[in-house]
Protein backbone atom coordinates (compact mmCIF):
# COMPACT_ATOMS: atom_id res chain seq x y z
CA MET A 1 0.31 0.01 -0.17
CA ILE A 2 0.93 3.97 -0.47
CA THR A 3 0.01 6.82 1.38
CA PHE A 4 0.71 9.77 1.08
CA GLU A 5 -0.39 11.80 4.11
CA ASN A 6 -0.25 15.81 3.90
CA VAL A 7 2.40 15.57 1.14
CA SER A 8 3.11 19.07 -0.52
CA LYS A 9 5.86 20.18 -2.91
CA THR A 10 7.67 22.97 -3.17
CA TYR A 11 10.95 24.34 -4.72
CA SER A 12 13.55 27.48 -3.67
CA ASN A 13 11.43 29.82 -5.79
CA HIS A 14 9.06 29.40 -3.60
CA PHE A 15 5.95 27.18 -6.43
CA HIS A 16 4.11 24.96 -4.84
CA ALA A 17 4.23 22.42 -7.68
CA ILE A 18 1.94 20.36 -5.00
CA LYS A 19 -0.60 21.53 -2.60
CA VAL A 20 -1.36 19.54 0.43
CA LEU A 21 -2.11 15.72 -0.70
CA ASN A 22 -3.51 13.71 0.72
CA PHE A 23 -5.07 9.71 -0.12
CA GLU A 24 -3.92 5.41 0.20
CA VAL A 25 -3.27 3.32 -2.93
CA GLN A 26 -4.22 -0.33 -2.27
CA THR A 27 -2.37 -3.25 -2.97
CA GLY A 28 -2.53 -5.11 -6.43
CA GLU A 29 -4.76 -1.56 -7.20
CA PHE A 30 -4.15 0.13 -10.45
CA VAL A 31 -4.35 3.95 -9.53
CA SER A 32 -3.62 7.02 -12.99
CA PHE A 33 -3.01 10.50 -12.39
CA ILE A 34 -4.48 12.74 -15.05
CA GLY A 35 -4.53 16.48 -15.35
CA PRO A 36 -3.22 18.82 -17.52
CA SER A 37 0.25 20.00 -18.88
CA GLY A 38 1.68 21.16 -15.50
CA CYS A 39 -0.55 19.84 -13.15
CA GLY A 40 1.81 17.85 -10.99
CA LYS A 41 0.55 14.61 -11.85
CA THR A 42 4.74 12.93 -12.56
CA THR A 43 5.91 14.58 -10.19
CA THR A 44 3.48 13.34 -7.09
CA MET A 45 4.49 9.41 -8.91
CA LYS A 46 7.97 11.05 -9.04
CA MET A 47 7.66 11.07 -5.31
CA ILE A 48 7.67 7.72 -4.66
CA ASN A 49 10.61 6.36 -5.28
CA ARG A 50 12.47 9.73 -4.30
CA LEU A 51 13.80 10.95 -7.93
CA ILE A 52 11.89 14.01 -6.33
CA LYS A 53 11.80 14.46 -2.47
CA HIS A 54 8.61 15.66 -1.22
CA THR A 55 9.38 19.50 0.86
CA GLU A 56 6.50 18.41 3.21
CA GLY A 57 3.95 15.55 5.08
CA LYS A 58 4.89 11.46 4.85
CA ILE A 59 4.62 8.45 2.08
CA LEU A 60 4.63 5.78 3.42
CA ILE A 61 4.96 2.10 1.15
CA ASN A 62 2.96 -0.27 3.29
CA GLY A 63 3.34 1.66 6.50
CA LYS A 64 7.25 2.33 6.24
CA ASP A 65 8.37 6.25 5.82
CA ILE A 66 10.70 6.45 2.09
CA SER A 67 12.18 9.06 3.72
CA SER A 68 14.13 6.24 6.11
CA ILE A 69 14.96 4.15 3.44
CA ASN A 70 18.13 4.06 1.11
CA PRO A 71 17.12 6.12 -2.24
CA VAL A 72 19.37 3.18 -4.39
CA GLU A 73 17.64 0.81 -2.98
CA LEU A 74 14.23 2.02 -2.70
CA ARG A 75 14.15 2.19 -6.34
CA ARG A 76 15.51 -1.46 -7.37
CA ASN A 77 12.14 -2.18 -5.69
CA ILE A 78 10.38 -0.01 -7.61
CA GLY A 79 9.94 -1.17 -11.13
CA TYR A 80 9.92 2.19 -13.85
CA VAL A 81 8.76 2.09 -16.97
CA ILE A 82 8.81 5.86 -19.09
CA GLN A 83 7.71 7.28 -22.20
CA GLN A 84 11.75 7.40 -23.08
CA ILE A 85 12.51 3.73 -22.06
CA GLY A 86 15.47 4.10 -21.39
CA LEU A 87 17.64 1.00 -22.62
CA PHE A 88 20.79 0.80 -22.54
CA PRO A 89 21.93 1.05 -26.69
CA HIS A 90 25.01 -0.98 -25.38
CA TYR A 91 23.58 -3.50 -23.84
CA THR A 92 21.40 -6.94 -25.21
CA ILE A 93 18.07 -7.23 -24.70
CA GLU A 94 18.31 -9.39 -22.26
CA GLU A 95 21.22 -8.24 -20.62
CA ASN A 96 18.55 -4.78 -20.47
CA ILE A 97 16.51 -6.56 -18.60
CA GLY A 98 18.42 -8.71 -16.36
CA LEU A 99 19.59 -5.35 -15.02
CA ILE A 100 17.71 -4.42 -12.20
CA PRO A 101 18.53 -8.57 -11.12
CA GLU A 102 22.16 -8.37 -11.30
CA LEU A 103 22.43 -5.24 -9.59
CA LYS A 104 20.80 -7.46 -6.69
CA GLY A 105 23.42 -9.88 -7.12
CA TRP A 106 21.14 -12.64 -8.73
CA ASP A 107 22.54 -15.86 -9.73
CA LYS A 108 23.33 -16.00 -13.53
CA ILE A 109 21.02 -19.06 -13.59
CA ARG A 110 18.09 -17.92 -12.24
CA LYS A 111 18.63 -14.28 -13.86
CA LYS A 112 18.77 -15.64 -17.22
CA GLN A 113 15.14 -18.02 -16.17
CA ARG A 114 13.88 -14.66 -14.83
CA VAL A 115 14.56 -13.03 -18.08
CA TYR A 116 13.07 -15.96 -20.49
CA GLU A 117 10.02 -16.16 -18.67
CA LEU A 118 9.65 -12.56 -18.88
CA MET A 119 10.68 -12.10 -22.28
CA HIS A 120 7.68 -15.07 -23.04
CA MET A 121 5.22 -12.59 -20.82
CA VAL A 122 5.57 -9.58 -23.18
CA GLY A 123 5.38 -11.66 -26.52
CA LEU A 124 8.86 -11.56 -27.09
CA GLU A 125 10.70 -14.76 -27.93
CA PRO A 126 14.26 -15.70 -25.84
CA ASP A 127 15.50 -17.28 -29.05
CA ARG A 128 15.29 -14.32 -31.33
CA PHE A 129 15.24 -11.30 -29.13
CA ALA A 130 17.60 -12.38 -26.59
CA ARG A 131 20.82 -11.05 -27.78
CA LYS A 132 19.73 -8.06 -29.89
CA TYR A 133 20.56 -4.48 -29.24
CA PRO A 134 17.77 -2.04 -28.35
CA LYS A 135 18.06 -0.14 -32.14
CA GLU A 136 17.48 -3.82 -33.90
CA LEU A 137 13.88 -3.59 -32.13
CA SER A 138 10.67 -1.53 -33.28
CA GLY A 139 9.22 1.50 -30.83
CA GLY A 140 6.16 -1.47 -29.53
CA GLN A 141 8.84 -3.84 -28.93
CA GLN A 142 11.60 -1.44 -27.10
CA GLN A 143 8.12 -0.57 -24.78
CA ARG A 144 7.50 -4.93 -24.60
CA VAL A 145 11.37 -4.64 -23.14
CA GLY A 146 11.17 -1.52 -20.59
CA VAL A 147 8.12 -3.50 -19.23
CA ALA A 148 10.04 -6.40 -18.94
CA ARG A 149 13.31 -5.24 -17.14
CA ALA A 150 10.44 -3.26 -15.22
CA LEU A 151 9.05 -6.34 -13.97
CA ALA A 152 12.51 -8.52 -13.99
CA ALA A 153 13.38 -8.23 -9.43
CA ASP A 154 9.54 -8.71 -8.94
CA PRO A 155 8.41 -5.76 -7.37
CA GLU A 156 5.78 -5.16 -5.56
CA ILE A 157 5.17 -1.30 -7.35
CA ILE A 158 5.74 -0.32 -10.44
CA LEU A 159 5.35 3.46 -11.62
CA MET A 160 4.66 4.00 -14.93
CA ASP A 161 5.01 7.90 -16.69
CA GLU A 162 3.09 7.75 -20.10
CA PRO A 163 4.59 4.58 -21.23
CA PHE A 164 2.51 4.22 -24.54
CA GLY A 165 2.08 7.99 -25.43
CA ALA A 166 4.89 8.02 -28.32
CA LEU A 167 3.88 4.87 -29.90
CA ASP A 168 1.08 4.83 -32.43
CA PRO A 169 -2.50 4.32 -32.53
CA ILE A 170 -2.29 0.24 -33.40
CA THR A 171 0.58 -0.42 -31.40
CA ARG A 172 -0.73 1.60 -28.49
CA GLU A 173 -3.18 -0.02 -28.17
CA GLN A 174 -2.40 -3.62 -28.39
CA LEU A 175 0.76 -2.73 -25.41
CA GLN A 176 -2.67 -1.39 -23.13
CA ASP A 177 -3.62 -4.91 -23.26
CA GLU A 178 -1.10 -6.82 -23.17
CA PHE A 179 -0.06 -5.03 -19.97
CA ILE A 180 -3.93 -5.12 -19.17
CA ARG A 181 -3.38 -9.46 -19.12
CA LEU A 182 -0.69 -8.90 -17.40
CA GLN A 183 -1.81 -6.83 -14.33
CA LYS A 184 -4.80 -9.46 -14.03
CA THR A 185 -2.20 -12.51 -13.83
CA LEU A 186 0.88 -10.12 -11.59
CA LYS A 187 -1.60 -8.15 -9.86
CA LYS A 188 0.89 -4.95 -9.21
CA THR A 189 0.54 -1.94 -7.49
CA VAL A 190 0.78 0.14 -10.41
CA VAL A 191 1.19 4.11 -10.01
CA PHE A 192 0.54 5.38 -14.07
CA VAL A 193 0.39 9.04 -14.92
CA THR A 194 -0.86 9.79 -18.64
CA HIS A 195 -2.56 12.34 -20.52
CA ASP A 196 -5.12 10.42 -22.13
CA MET A 197 -8.58 9.81 -20.49
CA ASP A 198 -10.13 7.49 -22.57
CA GLU A 199 -6.85 5.21 -21.60
CA ALA A 200 -6.96 6.16 -17.64
CA LEU A 201 -10.46 4.80 -18.27
CA LYS A 202 -9.10 1.91 -20.19
CA MET A 203 -6.70 0.71 -18.13
CA SER A 204 -7.59 1.84 -14.40
CA ASP A 205 -9.56 0.81 -10.79
CA ARG A 206 -9.08 4.46 -10.08
CA ILE A 207 -8.44 7.60 -11.41
CA ALA A 208 -6.79 10.62 -9.83
CA ILE A 209 -7.70 13.65 -11.73
CA MET A 210 -5.71 16.72 -11.16
CA LYS A 211 -5.05 20.49 -11.24
CA ASP A 212 -2.16 23.47 -10.20
CA GLY A 213 -0.96 20.20 -7.29
CA VAL A 214 -4.22 19.71 -5.81
CA LEU A 215 -5.76 16.63 -5.95
CA LEU A 216 -10.04 17.54 -7.75
CA GLN A 217 -10.89 13.45 -7.12
CA PHE A 218 -10.34 10.46 -6.46
CA ASP A 219 -12.42 7.32 -7.85
CA THR A 220 -13.57 4.35 -10.07
CA PRO A 221 -13.97 5.55 -13.88
CA GLU A 222 -18.28 4.51 -13.64
CA LYS A 223 -18.03 7.01 -10.91
CA LEU A 224 -15.88 10.29 -12.29
CA LEU A 225 -18.26 9.80 -15.57
CA LYS A 226 -21.58 9.64 -13.74
CA GLN A 227 -20.80 11.82 -11.01
CA PRO A 228 -17.93 14.28 -11.43
CA ALA A 229 -16.63 16.76 -8.50
CA ASP A 230 -17.26 19.94 -10.02
CA GLY A 231 -17.76 21.85 -13.20
CA PHE A 232 -13.46 21.40 -14.33
CA VAL A 233 -13.68 17.94 -13.40
CA GLU A 234 -16.34 17.55 -15.78
CA GLU A 235 -14.82 19.59 -18.74
CA PHE A 236 -11.68 17.52 -18.78
CA ILE A 237 -13.28 13.96 -18.86
CA GLY A 238 -15.55 15.72 -20.86
CA LYS A 239 -19.59 15.87 -20.08
CA THR A 240 -20.83 12.90 -23.15
CA ARG A 241 -17.58 10.91 -22.36
CA ILE A 242 -20.06 8.19 -20.66
CA TYR A 243 -21.96 7.94 -23.82
CA GLN A 244 -18.81 6.55 -25.92
CA ASN A 245 -18.15 4.20 -22.59
CA PRO A 246 -20.99 2.23 -22.67
CA GLU A 247 -19.14 -0.59 -20.07
CA PHE A 248 -19.55 1.99 -17.63
CA ILE A 249 -23.23 2.47 -17.55
CA LYS A 250 -25.84 0.36 -15.99
CA VAL A 251 -29.08 -1.19 -18.61
CA LYS A 252 -31.14 -0.03 -15.62
CA ASP A 253 -30.32 3.72 -16.60
CA ILE A 254 -31.09 3.16 -20.17
CA MET A 255 -34.21 0.59 -19.83
CA ARG A 256 -37.85 1.31 -20.35
CA ASP A 257 -39.41 0.94 -16.78
CA ASN A 258 -43.22 0.10 -17.14
CA PRO A 259 -42.72 -2.31 -19.98
CA ALA A 260 -45.53 -3.56 -21.58
CA VAL A 261 -45.89 -7.20 -19.97
CA ALA A 262 -49.05 -9.90 -20.45
CA ALA A 263 -49.88 -12.97 -18.50
CA PRO A 264 -49.94 -16.25 -20.53
CA ASP A 265 -53.57 -16.98 -20.16
CA LEU A 266 -54.53 -14.08 -22.06
CA THR A 267 -56.74 -14.01 -25.29
CA PRO A 268 -55.54 -13.06 -28.65
CA SER A 269 -58.22 -10.57 -28.57
CA ARG A 270 -57.00 -8.89 -25.28
CA ALA A 271 -53.62 -9.22 -26.07
CA PHE A 272 -54.39 -6.90 -29.19
CA ASN A 273 -55.99 -4.59 -27.76
CA GLN A 274 -53.55 -4.65 -24.89
CA MET A 275 -51.12 -4.06 -27.59
CA ARG A 276 -53.77 -1.29 -29.15
CA GLN A 277 -52.83 0.69 -25.25
CA ARG A 278 -49.46 0.32 -25.00
CA ARG A 279 -48.68 1.35 -28.51
CA THR A 280 -46.58 -1.55 -29.21
CA ASP A 281 -46.11 -4.92 -30.84
CA THR A 282 -45.36 -7.15 -28.53
CA LEU A 283 -45.55 -7.96 -24.93
CA ILE A 284 -43.44 -9.36 -22.81
CA VAL A 285 -44.96 -12.23 -20.93
CA VAL A 286 -44.57 -13.16 -17.66
CA ASN A 287 -45.57 -16.04 -15.10
CA GLU A 288 -48.40 -15.35 -12.15
CA ASN A 289 -44.67 -14.31 -10.54
CA GLY A 290 -43.71 -11.03 -13.23
CA GLN A 291 -41.29 -14.25 -13.96
CA PHE A 292 -39.83 -13.48 -17.38
CA GLU A 293 -41.29 -16.30 -19.76
CA GLY A 294 -40.73 -15.06 -23.44
CA ILE A 295 -41.83 -12.52 -26.09
CA VAL A 296 -45.14 -12.95 -28.61
CA SER A 297 -45.36 -10.49 -31.18
CA ALA A 298 -48.86 -8.67 -33.09
CA TYR A 299 -47.52 -10.83 -36.17
CA ASP A 300 -47.37 -14.21 -34.01
CA LEU A 301 -51.25 -13.93 -32.73
CA GLN A 302 -52.58 -12.45 -36.29
CA SER A 303 -50.90 -15.66 -37.95
CA HIS A 304 -52.80 -17.96 -35.49
CA MET A 305 -55.49 -15.89 -34.11
CA ASP A 306 -58.12 -18.86 -35.34
CA LYS A 307 -56.39 -21.76 -33.99
CA ILE A 308 -55.29 -21.03 -30.50
CA LEU A 309 -57.40 -19.80 -27.12
CA THR A 310 -54.19 -17.80 -25.66
CA ILE A 311 -50.91 -16.37 -25.88
CA GLN A 312 -49.19 -18.50 -23.83
CA GLU A 313 -49.62 -20.89 -27.75
CA VAL A 314 -47.65 -18.68 -29.61
CA VAL A 315 -44.65 -17.27 -27.53
CA GLN A 316 -41.47 -17.01 -28.80
CA GLU A 317 -39.19 -18.48 -26.12
CA GLN A 318 -35.52 -15.98 -25.60
CA HIS A 319 -32.68 -16.69 -23.82
CA PHE A 320 -32.03 -13.10 -24.46
CA TYR A 321 -32.40 -11.15 -21.65
CA LEU A 322 -30.53 -9.27 -19.42
CA GLU A 323 -30.29 -8.98 -15.65
CA GLU A 324 -30.06 -5.37 -14.32
CA SER A 325 -26.43 -4.85 -13.01
CA SER A 326 -25.58 -4.91 -16.75
CA THR A 327 -24.22 -2.55 -18.97
CA ALA A 328 -25.23 -0.84 -21.67
CA GLN A 329 -22.21 -2.48 -23.54
CA ASP A 330 -24.39 -5.97 -22.82
CA ALA A 331 -27.14 -4.70 -24.58
CA LEU A 332 -25.41 -3.64 -27.76
CA ILE A 333 -23.97 -6.93 -27.95
CA ILE A 334 -27.12 -8.95 -28.31
CA ILE A 335 -29.21 -6.83 -29.20
CA SER A 336 -28.86 -7.89 -33.15
CA GLU A 337 -29.60 -11.27 -32.32
CA ALA A 338 -32.38 -10.93 -29.88
CA LYS A 339 -36.03 -11.74 -30.94
CA GLN A 340 -37.84 -8.79 -32.44
CA GLY A 341 -35.17 -6.16 -31.22
CA ILE A 342 -36.52 -6.13 -27.36
CA ILE A 343 -34.18 -6.71 -24.56
CA PRO A 344 -36.56 -7.61 -21.17
CA ILE A 345 -34.54 -6.59 -18.55
CA VAL A 346 -34.80 -8.63 -15.08
CA SER A 347 -34.12 -8.86 -11.17
CA HIS A 348 -31.95 -11.19 -9.65
CA GLU A 349 -34.91 -13.49 -9.24
CA LYS A 350 -35.99 -12.78 -12.75
CA VAL A 351 -38.65 -10.24 -12.35
CA VAL A 352 -38.97 -8.37 -15.04
CA ILE A 353 -38.63 -4.43 -14.60
CA GLY A 354 -37.77 -3.00 -18.04
CA VAL A 355 -37.20 -3.90 -21.11
CA VAL A 356 -34.15 -2.08 -23.80
CA THR A 357 -35.21 -2.33 -27.64
CA ARG A 358 -32.95 -1.09 -30.37
CA ALA A 359 -34.50 1.81 -31.17
CA SER A 360 -33.91 3.37 -27.18
CA LEU A 361 -30.60 2.35 -27.15
CA LEU A 362 -30.29 4.10 -31.18
CA THR A 363 -32.06 7.35 -29.43
CA THR A 364 -29.26 6.84 -26.26
CA PHE A 365 -26.40 6.98 -27.53
CA ALA A 366 -26.81 8.33 -31.38
CA GLY A 367 -27.64 11.95 -30.17
CA HIS A 368 -24.21 12.45 -28.04
CA TRP A 369 -21.86 10.44 -30.20
CA ALA A 370 -23.63 13.24 -33.23
CA GLY A 371 -23.84 15.60 -30.95
CA ARG A 372 -27.73 17.03 -30.10
CA LYS A 373 -29.25 20.48 -31.02
CA GLU A 374 -30.79 22.64 -29.29
CA GLY A 375 -34.73 22.36 -30.24
CA VAL A 376 -34.58 18.91 -32.05
CA GLN A 377 -36.65 16.95 -31.61
CA TYR A 378 -36.06 13.23 -31.08
CA GLU A 379 -38.30 10.68 -32.20
CA SER A 380 -39.23 8.76 -30.00
CA ASP A 381 -39.50 5.15 -30.02
CA PHE A 382 -42.44 2.22 -28.04
CA VAL A 383 -41.36 -0.61 -26.48
CA GLY A 384 -41.03 -3.47 -28.88
CA THR A 385 -41.97 -0.99 -31.93
CA THR A 386 -39.81 -2.84 -35.12
CA PRO A 387 -37.19 0.45 -36.22
C-alpha cells in the first residue's frame, strides 16, 4: 500500500508544485494520475521513488516512511517505465532486462530464467530477441522490453510515466491490452501517469484528476463519469464521454421501465387490445410471479388467431435478457440477435423490471455521439416497435 499524508512539494523559488495531498493506493490496485500539463501528476509519481523529494508530509510504503529507506535500494525495489524507455544501447535485450537482478546480486541461472520468463510474458521470443540490441527493435518492441525490465526483480510497485504516449495508435492499444492481461495475472500495485483520458478509463481501477498541484477527485472510472466532483472535472473528462464508454453505463439507467407485460393465459383479442393501448407490437410474457417467460408478437398472434385460445401457445421462448446489473455494452452486443429487437431487463430473481429496444439504444447513444442540437425533437421509441 502507498500512503500520502499531508504531502507537498515546494521549490526554491517558492513555487508550490504540489499542495497538500492525502490519499492511499491499495495493494494490487491500478491507479492513474491525469490532468492538464503542469498539474503535478508526474511530480507526485516521482516522489514515490524519491526521484523528486517531497518537502512536507509523509509518504509510506506498506507503513514504512520512504525517507528512512536508502533511495538506491528503494528504486531497485520499485519498477519504473517511462515514455523514452531508457534502454542501454550497448546492452543486449537480455542484459537490459536482467540489469536490476544483476545489481541485486542474483546468480546467472536465476537471472536468465527470470529474463526468459518475462520475455515470453511480454511477447518477445527469447531465441529471436535475447541477443539483439535496442536499435534492432521497433518502438513497440522496445517498450515491451521496458515493461519486462520493470518487472524483472518482481517488485510490488510499478511506476509508469506515459509509457505508451510515443507509440502509434495500433501499437499503443496492443500494449495497453497486453499490460491489462499482465496486471490481471501479476496483480502489481501500479501508479500510471497519462494525459489520455480514454487510456485512463480503459486501464484503471481508480483515476486521480489533478489541477495546479491539487487532487480534485480520486474515484473509479464509473463514478468519475457519472458523478464528476465539479465543473472542471466534468469539462476535463468530457460531458458526453460516458456515452463513448458504454461499459460504464448500467443497463438499468437506460431501460424503459413499466414495460408492456402480459400473463400467458391472456386471450389473443385481449392481447391485441393491450398492444394498441401500449402502442407496441410485442408483449413480454411473465408468470404469476412476474418472472420472464418469453415474447409474443402481433405478427404471431395474427398468424394463429383462429388456432389458439391463449397467447401461451405462441410465446417465443427467448434466451436474450439481461439482469439489471448488466451494462449498456452488453445490450449493444446482443441487441442484433434479440427477437423483435427488444431485451427484457430482469432482477436477480428474473422478475421483469424494464426493457431495452433497438430504438432506445439508438436514441441514447446516437444523439450524444453525433452531438444533439438545441430545439431538435428526436423521435421517441415505443416498446417493441420495429425500427
